[in-house]
N, C-alpha and C. Protein backbone atom coordinates (compact mmCIF):
# COMPACT_ATOMS: atom_id res chain seq x y z
N UNK A 1 -26.56 22.24 -63.14
CA UNK A 1 -27.75 22.36 -62.31
C UNK A 1 -27.44 21.75 -60.94
N UNK A 2 -27.86 22.40 -59.90
CA UNK A 2 -27.62 21.92 -58.55
C UNK A 2 -28.59 20.83 -58.19
N UNK A 3 -28.18 19.99 -57.25
CA UNK A 3 -29.05 18.90 -56.78
C UNK A 3 -30.25 19.48 -56.02
N UNK A 4 -31.23 18.66 -55.80
CA UNK A 4 -32.44 19.08 -55.04
C UNK A 4 -32.05 19.51 -53.65
N UNK A 5 -31.17 18.78 -53.03
CA UNK A 5 -30.72 19.08 -51.65
C UNK A 5 -30.02 20.42 -51.62
N UNK A 6 -29.12 20.66 -52.56
CA UNK A 6 -28.42 21.93 -52.61
C UNK A 6 -29.35 23.07 -52.97
N UNK A 7 -30.27 22.83 -53.87
CA UNK A 7 -31.27 23.87 -54.24
C UNK A 7 -32.03 24.31 -53.01
N UNK A 8 -32.46 23.37 -52.19
CA UNK A 8 -33.17 23.66 -50.94
C UNK A 8 -32.33 24.51 -50.01
N UNK A 9 -31.08 24.14 -49.88
CA UNK A 9 -30.16 24.87 -49.01
C UNK A 9 -29.92 26.29 -49.52
N UNK A 10 -29.73 26.46 -50.82
CA UNK A 10 -29.55 27.78 -51.42
C UNK A 10 -30.78 28.63 -51.18
N UNK A 11 -31.96 28.09 -51.44
CA UNK A 11 -33.19 28.85 -51.23
C UNK A 11 -33.34 29.29 -49.77
N UNK A 12 -32.96 28.41 -48.84
CA UNK A 12 -33.04 28.76 -47.40
C UNK A 12 -32.04 29.85 -47.07
N UNK A 13 -30.90 29.85 -47.72
CA UNK A 13 -29.87 30.85 -47.44
C UNK A 13 -30.10 32.18 -48.12
N UNK A 14 -30.54 32.15 -49.39
CA UNK A 14 -30.62 33.35 -50.21
C UNK A 14 -32.04 33.77 -50.56
N UNK A 15 -33.01 32.94 -50.25
CA UNK A 15 -34.38 33.22 -50.61
C UNK A 15 -34.74 32.83 -52.01
N UNK A 16 -33.78 32.39 -52.77
CA UNK A 16 -33.97 31.89 -54.16
C UNK A 16 -32.71 31.23 -54.62
N UNK A 17 -32.78 30.55 -55.73
CA UNK A 17 -31.60 30.01 -56.39
C UNK A 17 -31.29 30.97 -57.55
N UNK A 18 -30.16 31.70 -57.47
CA UNK A 18 -29.85 32.60 -58.58
C UNK A 18 -29.78 31.87 -59.90
N UNK A 19 -30.27 32.53 -60.95
CA UNK A 19 -30.35 31.88 -62.25
C UNK A 19 -28.98 31.42 -62.77
N UNK A 20 -27.95 32.13 -62.43
CA UNK A 20 -26.60 31.76 -62.91
C UNK A 20 -26.14 30.41 -62.35
N UNK A 21 -26.70 30.01 -61.23
CA UNK A 21 -26.34 28.70 -60.65
C UNK A 21 -26.72 27.58 -61.63
N UNK A 22 -27.70 27.84 -62.46
CA UNK A 22 -28.10 26.82 -63.45
C UNK A 22 -27.07 26.65 -64.53
N UNK A 23 -26.13 27.60 -64.65
CA UNK A 23 -25.10 27.49 -65.70
C UNK A 23 -23.87 26.71 -65.24
N UNK A 24 -23.85 26.29 -63.97
CA UNK A 24 -22.73 25.51 -63.48
C UNK A 24 -22.81 24.09 -63.96
N UNK A 25 -21.75 23.57 -64.53
CA UNK A 25 -21.74 22.22 -65.05
C UNK A 25 -21.57 21.22 -63.89
N UNK A 26 -22.14 20.04 -64.11
CA UNK A 26 -21.95 18.95 -63.15
C UNK A 26 -20.53 18.43 -63.29
N UNK A 27 -19.87 17.96 -62.28
CA UNK A 27 -20.32 17.90 -60.89
C UNK A 27 -19.95 19.14 -60.10
N UNK A 28 -19.62 20.21 -60.76
CA UNK A 28 -19.13 21.40 -60.05
C UNK A 28 -20.21 22.21 -59.33
N UNK A 29 -21.47 22.04 -59.73
CA UNK A 29 -22.52 22.88 -59.20
C UNK A 29 -22.65 22.79 -57.69
N UNK A 30 -22.80 21.60 -57.13
CA UNK A 30 -22.93 21.47 -55.68
C UNK A 30 -21.66 21.92 -54.96
N UNK A 31 -20.51 21.59 -55.52
CA UNK A 31 -19.22 21.99 -54.93
C UNK A 31 -19.06 23.51 -54.97
N UNK A 32 -19.49 24.10 -56.06
CA UNK A 32 -19.37 25.56 -56.18
C UNK A 32 -20.20 26.25 -55.13
N UNK A 33 -21.40 25.78 -54.88
CA UNK A 33 -22.22 26.38 -53.81
C UNK A 33 -21.52 26.18 -52.46
N UNK A 34 -20.95 25.01 -52.23
CA UNK A 34 -20.27 24.78 -50.95
C UNK A 34 -19.10 25.71 -50.74
N UNK A 35 -18.36 25.99 -51.78
CA UNK A 35 -17.23 26.93 -51.68
C UNK A 35 -17.80 28.34 -51.35
N UNK A 36 -18.77 28.75 -52.11
CA UNK A 36 -19.37 30.08 -51.91
C UNK A 36 -19.94 30.20 -50.50
N UNK A 37 -20.73 29.21 -50.09
CA UNK A 37 -21.36 29.21 -48.80
C UNK A 37 -20.35 29.27 -47.66
N UNK A 38 -19.34 28.37 -47.74
CA UNK A 38 -18.39 28.30 -46.63
C UNK A 38 -17.49 29.52 -46.53
N UNK A 39 -17.09 30.07 -47.66
CA UNK A 39 -16.21 31.23 -47.59
C UNK A 39 -16.99 32.55 -47.34
N UNK A 40 -18.16 32.67 -47.92
CA UNK A 40 -18.91 33.90 -47.78
C UNK A 40 -19.69 33.95 -46.47
N UNK A 41 -20.40 32.87 -46.13
CA UNK A 41 -21.25 32.88 -44.95
C UNK A 41 -20.70 32.12 -43.76
N UNK A 42 -19.71 31.28 -44.00
CA UNK A 42 -19.15 30.47 -42.93
C UNK A 42 -18.32 31.28 -41.95
N UNK A 43 -18.11 30.68 -40.80
CA UNK A 43 -17.26 31.31 -39.81
C UNK A 43 -15.81 31.03 -40.18
N UNK A 44 -15.10 32.09 -40.51
CA UNK A 44 -13.69 31.97 -40.94
C UNK A 44 -12.85 32.98 -40.12
N UNK A 45 -11.60 33.08 -40.44
CA UNK A 45 -10.71 34.00 -39.76
C UNK A 45 -11.07 35.46 -40.06
N UNK A 46 -11.68 35.70 -41.20
CA UNK A 46 -12.03 37.05 -41.60
C UNK A 46 -13.48 37.36 -41.24
N UNK A 47 -13.73 38.59 -40.87
CA UNK A 47 -15.09 39.03 -40.56
C UNK A 47 -15.86 39.19 -41.86
N UNK A 48 -17.19 39.20 -41.81
CA UNK A 48 -17.96 39.45 -43.04
C UNK A 48 -17.58 40.81 -43.68
N UNK A 49 -17.28 41.78 -42.87
CA UNK A 49 -16.87 43.10 -43.36
C UNK A 49 -15.53 43.00 -44.15
N UNK A 50 -14.58 42.31 -43.60
CA UNK A 50 -13.26 42.12 -44.25
C UNK A 50 -13.46 41.35 -45.56
N UNK A 51 -14.26 40.30 -45.53
CA UNK A 51 -14.49 39.50 -46.74
C UNK A 51 -15.11 40.34 -47.83
N UNK A 52 -16.08 41.17 -47.46
CA UNK A 52 -16.76 42.03 -48.44
C UNK A 52 -15.78 43.01 -49.04
N UNK A 53 -14.94 43.63 -48.23
CA UNK A 53 -13.97 44.60 -48.76
C UNK A 53 -12.96 43.92 -49.70
N UNK A 54 -12.52 42.74 -49.32
CA UNK A 54 -11.62 41.99 -50.22
C UNK A 54 -12.34 41.68 -51.53
N UNK A 55 -13.57 41.26 -51.43
CA UNK A 55 -14.35 40.95 -52.63
C UNK A 55 -14.47 42.15 -53.55
N UNK A 56 -14.74 43.32 -52.98
CA UNK A 56 -14.86 44.56 -53.77
C UNK A 56 -13.52 44.86 -54.46
N UNK A 57 -12.44 44.75 -53.71
CA UNK A 57 -11.12 45.04 -54.30
C UNK A 57 -10.75 44.10 -55.43
N UNK A 58 -10.96 42.83 -55.22
CA UNK A 58 -10.64 41.84 -56.26
C UNK A 58 -11.57 42.02 -57.48
N UNK A 59 -12.84 42.24 -57.22
CA UNK A 59 -13.78 42.44 -58.31
C UNK A 59 -13.42 43.66 -59.16
N UNK A 60 -13.03 44.71 -58.48
CA UNK A 60 -12.62 45.92 -59.20
C UNK A 60 -11.38 45.67 -60.02
N UNK A 61 -10.39 44.99 -59.44
CA UNK A 61 -9.12 44.70 -60.13
C UNK A 61 -9.36 43.78 -61.32
N UNK A 62 -10.25 42.84 -61.20
CA UNK A 62 -10.50 41.91 -62.31
C UNK A 62 -11.54 42.46 -63.28
N UNK A 63 -12.10 43.60 -62.95
CA UNK A 63 -13.05 44.32 -63.81
C UNK A 63 -14.31 43.49 -64.12
N UNK A 64 -14.79 42.85 -63.07
CA UNK A 64 -15.99 42.00 -63.22
C UNK A 64 -17.21 42.78 -62.73
N UNK A 65 -18.09 43.25 -63.60
CA UNK A 65 -19.24 44.02 -63.13
C UNK A 65 -20.19 43.23 -62.25
N UNK A 66 -20.29 41.93 -62.48
CA UNK A 66 -21.14 41.09 -61.66
C UNK A 66 -20.63 41.02 -60.23
N UNK A 67 -19.33 40.77 -60.11
CA UNK A 67 -18.73 40.65 -58.78
C UNK A 67 -18.64 42.02 -58.09
N UNK A 68 -18.40 43.10 -58.84
CA UNK A 68 -18.40 44.43 -58.22
C UNK A 68 -19.78 44.70 -57.60
N UNK A 69 -20.81 44.44 -58.36
CA UNK A 69 -22.18 44.67 -57.84
C UNK A 69 -22.43 43.82 -56.59
N UNK A 70 -22.19 42.54 -56.69
CA UNK A 70 -22.46 41.64 -55.57
C UNK A 70 -21.69 42.04 -54.35
N UNK A 71 -20.39 42.26 -54.48
CA UNK A 71 -19.55 42.49 -53.29
C UNK A 71 -19.78 43.90 -52.70
N UNK A 72 -20.20 44.83 -53.53
CA UNK A 72 -20.58 46.15 -52.96
C UNK A 72 -21.84 46.00 -52.14
N UNK A 73 -22.79 45.24 -52.63
CA UNK A 73 -24.01 45.01 -51.83
C UNK A 73 -23.70 44.22 -50.58
N UNK A 74 -22.85 43.23 -50.68
CA UNK A 74 -22.39 42.48 -49.51
C UNK A 74 -21.75 43.42 -48.49
N UNK A 75 -20.93 44.33 -48.98
CA UNK A 75 -20.24 45.28 -48.10
C UNK A 75 -21.24 46.21 -47.40
N UNK A 76 -22.20 46.68 -48.15
CA UNK A 76 -23.23 47.57 -47.55
C UNK A 76 -23.99 46.84 -46.45
N UNK A 77 -24.26 45.56 -46.66
CA UNK A 77 -24.93 44.76 -45.59
C UNK A 77 -24.05 44.66 -44.38
N UNK A 78 -22.74 44.75 -44.56
CA UNK A 78 -21.80 44.69 -43.43
C UNK A 78 -21.43 46.09 -42.89
N UNK A 79 -22.27 47.08 -43.26
CA UNK A 79 -22.11 48.46 -42.77
C UNK A 79 -20.84 49.15 -43.22
N UNK A 80 -20.34 48.76 -44.42
CA UNK A 80 -19.20 49.47 -45.00
C UNK A 80 -19.75 50.74 -45.63
N UNK A 81 -19.06 51.85 -45.39
CA UNK A 81 -19.51 53.15 -45.89
C UNK A 81 -19.10 53.31 -47.36
N UNK A 82 -19.72 54.28 -48.02
CA UNK A 82 -19.38 54.57 -49.41
C UNK A 82 -17.93 55.06 -49.49
N UNK A 83 -17.47 55.83 -48.50
CA UNK A 83 -16.07 56.28 -48.49
C UNK A 83 -15.13 55.10 -48.38
N UNK A 84 -15.46 54.11 -47.59
CA UNK A 84 -14.64 52.91 -47.46
C UNK A 84 -14.64 52.11 -48.75
N UNK A 85 -15.78 52.05 -49.43
CA UNK A 85 -15.81 51.37 -50.73
C UNK A 85 -14.92 52.07 -51.75
N UNK A 86 -15.01 53.39 -51.77
CA UNK A 86 -14.16 54.17 -52.69
C UNK A 86 -12.69 53.94 -52.40
N UNK A 87 -12.34 53.93 -51.13
CA UNK A 87 -10.92 53.69 -50.78
C UNK A 87 -10.49 52.29 -51.18
N UNK A 88 -11.35 51.32 -50.97
CA UNK A 88 -11.03 49.92 -51.35
C UNK A 88 -10.76 49.81 -52.83
N UNK A 89 -11.61 50.43 -53.65
CA UNK A 89 -11.43 50.38 -55.10
C UNK A 89 -10.17 51.12 -55.50
N UNK A 90 -9.92 52.25 -54.85
CA UNK A 90 -8.68 53.00 -55.15
C UNK A 90 -7.43 52.20 -54.78
N UNK A 91 -7.47 51.54 -53.63
CA UNK A 91 -6.35 50.70 -53.24
C UNK A 91 -6.15 49.53 -54.22
N UNK A 92 -7.24 48.94 -54.68
CA UNK A 92 -7.14 47.88 -55.70
C UNK A 92 -6.47 48.41 -56.95
N UNK A 93 -6.88 49.61 -57.37
CA UNK A 93 -6.27 50.21 -58.57
C UNK A 93 -4.83 50.50 -58.36
N UNK A 94 -4.47 51.00 -57.19
CA UNK A 94 -3.06 51.32 -56.90
C UNK A 94 -2.20 50.06 -56.90
N UNK A 95 -2.74 48.98 -56.33
CA UNK A 95 -2.03 47.72 -56.31
C UNK A 95 -1.80 47.20 -57.72
N UNK A 96 -2.84 47.29 -58.53
CA UNK A 96 -2.74 46.84 -59.92
C UNK A 96 -1.77 47.72 -60.70
N UNK A 97 -1.78 49.02 -60.45
CA UNK A 97 -0.87 49.95 -61.10
C UNK A 97 0.57 49.58 -60.82
N UNK A 98 0.92 49.42 -59.55
CA UNK A 98 2.31 49.12 -59.20
C UNK A 98 2.70 47.71 -59.63
N UNK A 99 1.74 46.81 -59.63
CA UNK A 99 2.04 45.45 -60.14
C UNK A 99 2.41 45.50 -61.62
N UNK A 100 1.71 46.35 -62.37
CA UNK A 100 2.03 46.51 -63.79
C UNK A 100 3.45 47.06 -63.97
N UNK A 101 3.80 48.03 -63.16
CA UNK A 101 5.15 48.62 -63.23
C UNK A 101 6.19 47.59 -62.90
N UNK A 102 6.01 46.85 -61.81
CA UNK A 102 6.97 45.85 -61.40
C UNK A 102 7.13 44.77 -62.47
N UNK A 103 6.00 44.27 -62.99
CA UNK A 103 6.08 43.22 -64.01
C UNK A 103 6.64 43.73 -65.32
N UNK A 104 6.16 44.90 -65.77
CA UNK A 104 6.57 45.42 -67.02
C UNK A 104 8.06 45.77 -67.07
N UNK A 105 8.60 46.17 -65.91
CA UNK A 105 10.02 46.50 -65.84
C UNK A 105 10.86 45.31 -65.39
N UNK A 106 10.23 44.17 -65.22
CA UNK A 106 10.86 42.91 -64.82
C UNK A 106 11.79 43.10 -63.62
N UNK A 107 11.23 43.73 -62.58
CA UNK A 107 11.98 43.95 -61.36
C UNK A 107 12.30 42.57 -60.79
N UNK A 108 13.54 42.38 -60.35
CA UNK A 108 14.00 41.14 -59.80
C UNK A 108 13.23 40.86 -58.50
N UNK A 109 12.61 39.70 -58.43
CA UNK A 109 11.77 39.34 -57.27
C UNK A 109 12.61 39.23 -55.99
N UNK A 110 13.76 38.63 -56.08
CA UNK A 110 14.61 38.48 -54.89
C UNK A 110 15.01 39.87 -54.34
N UNK A 111 15.35 40.79 -55.24
CA UNK A 111 15.70 42.15 -54.81
C UNK A 111 14.48 42.81 -54.17
N UNK A 112 13.33 42.62 -54.77
CA UNK A 112 12.10 43.20 -54.23
C UNK A 112 11.80 42.69 -52.84
N UNK A 113 11.93 41.35 -52.65
CA UNK A 113 11.70 40.74 -51.34
C UNK A 113 12.66 41.31 -50.29
N UNK A 114 13.91 41.40 -50.68
CA UNK A 114 14.95 41.90 -49.76
C UNK A 114 14.66 43.35 -49.37
N UNK A 115 14.34 44.18 -50.35
CA UNK A 115 14.03 45.60 -50.08
C UNK A 115 12.78 45.72 -49.19
N UNK A 116 11.80 44.91 -49.48
CA UNK A 116 10.57 44.93 -48.67
C UNK A 116 10.88 44.55 -47.22
N UNK A 117 11.71 43.54 -47.02
CA UNK A 117 12.07 43.14 -45.68
C UNK A 117 12.77 44.30 -44.92
N UNK A 118 13.64 45.00 -45.61
CA UNK A 118 14.35 46.14 -45.02
C UNK A 118 13.34 47.26 -44.68
N UNK A 119 12.39 47.49 -45.53
CA UNK A 119 11.38 48.53 -45.28
C UNK A 119 10.55 48.15 -44.07
N UNK A 120 10.13 46.89 -44.00
CA UNK A 120 9.29 46.44 -42.88
C UNK A 120 10.10 46.57 -41.57
N UNK A 121 11.35 46.18 -41.57
CA UNK A 121 12.17 46.30 -40.40
C UNK A 121 12.30 47.76 -39.95
N UNK A 122 12.52 48.64 -40.89
CA UNK A 122 12.59 50.09 -40.61
C UNK A 122 11.27 50.61 -39.99
N UNK A 123 10.16 50.23 -40.60
CA UNK A 123 8.85 50.68 -40.11
C UNK A 123 8.57 50.13 -38.70
N UNK A 124 8.95 48.88 -38.44
CA UNK A 124 8.77 48.30 -37.11
C UNK A 124 9.59 49.06 -36.10
N UNK A 125 10.82 49.44 -36.44
CA UNK A 125 11.63 50.22 -35.51
C UNK A 125 11.04 51.60 -35.26
N UNK A 126 10.53 52.24 -36.31
CA UNK A 126 9.88 53.53 -36.14
C UNK A 126 8.65 53.41 -35.25
N UNK A 127 7.87 52.39 -35.44
CA UNK A 127 6.67 52.15 -34.64
C UNK A 127 7.05 51.91 -33.18
N UNK A 128 8.07 51.12 -32.92
CA UNK A 128 8.52 50.87 -31.56
C UNK A 128 9.02 52.14 -30.90
N UNK A 129 9.79 52.94 -31.68
CA UNK A 129 10.29 54.19 -31.11
C UNK A 129 9.13 55.15 -30.76
N UNK A 130 8.11 55.19 -31.61
CA UNK A 130 6.96 56.06 -31.37
C UNK A 130 6.22 55.55 -30.12
N UNK A 131 6.09 54.24 -29.98
CA UNK A 131 5.38 53.69 -28.81
C UNK A 131 6.15 54.01 -27.57
N UNK A 132 7.46 53.99 -27.63
CA UNK A 132 8.28 54.32 -26.46
C UNK A 132 8.20 55.78 -26.11
N UNK A 133 7.96 56.63 -27.08
CA UNK A 133 7.88 58.08 -26.87
C UNK A 133 6.53 58.47 -26.27
N UNK A 134 5.51 57.62 -26.47
CA UNK A 134 4.19 57.90 -25.93
C UNK A 134 4.07 57.57 -24.50
């Protein structure tokens, strides 16, 4: 259960204290709100739109219906379109798919890092060449 001070802050921010906040054990309840508040509503390096899209992708990948619902609503508040939500979920699925392949086949991490560096270098050269052609 959150403290009276935190309860007041949550109500001011959300219009109510969500019932699930009552399930947080002490002393984590006040800290949990602080983490949620600071990362979700606080001024950070990411825009609210970017945070919402990340939330949707992670929620989809972890298969959490609560988080999928919350972060989709958060995204809609940030003017994310349905097409962008669909793409975000598809990207999350694609990432999870390839992660399964890499892990299941026990691809050597050092080889993967090396190959990725080579790919990035190639793409950067292609991008620079295209910029020079424009």
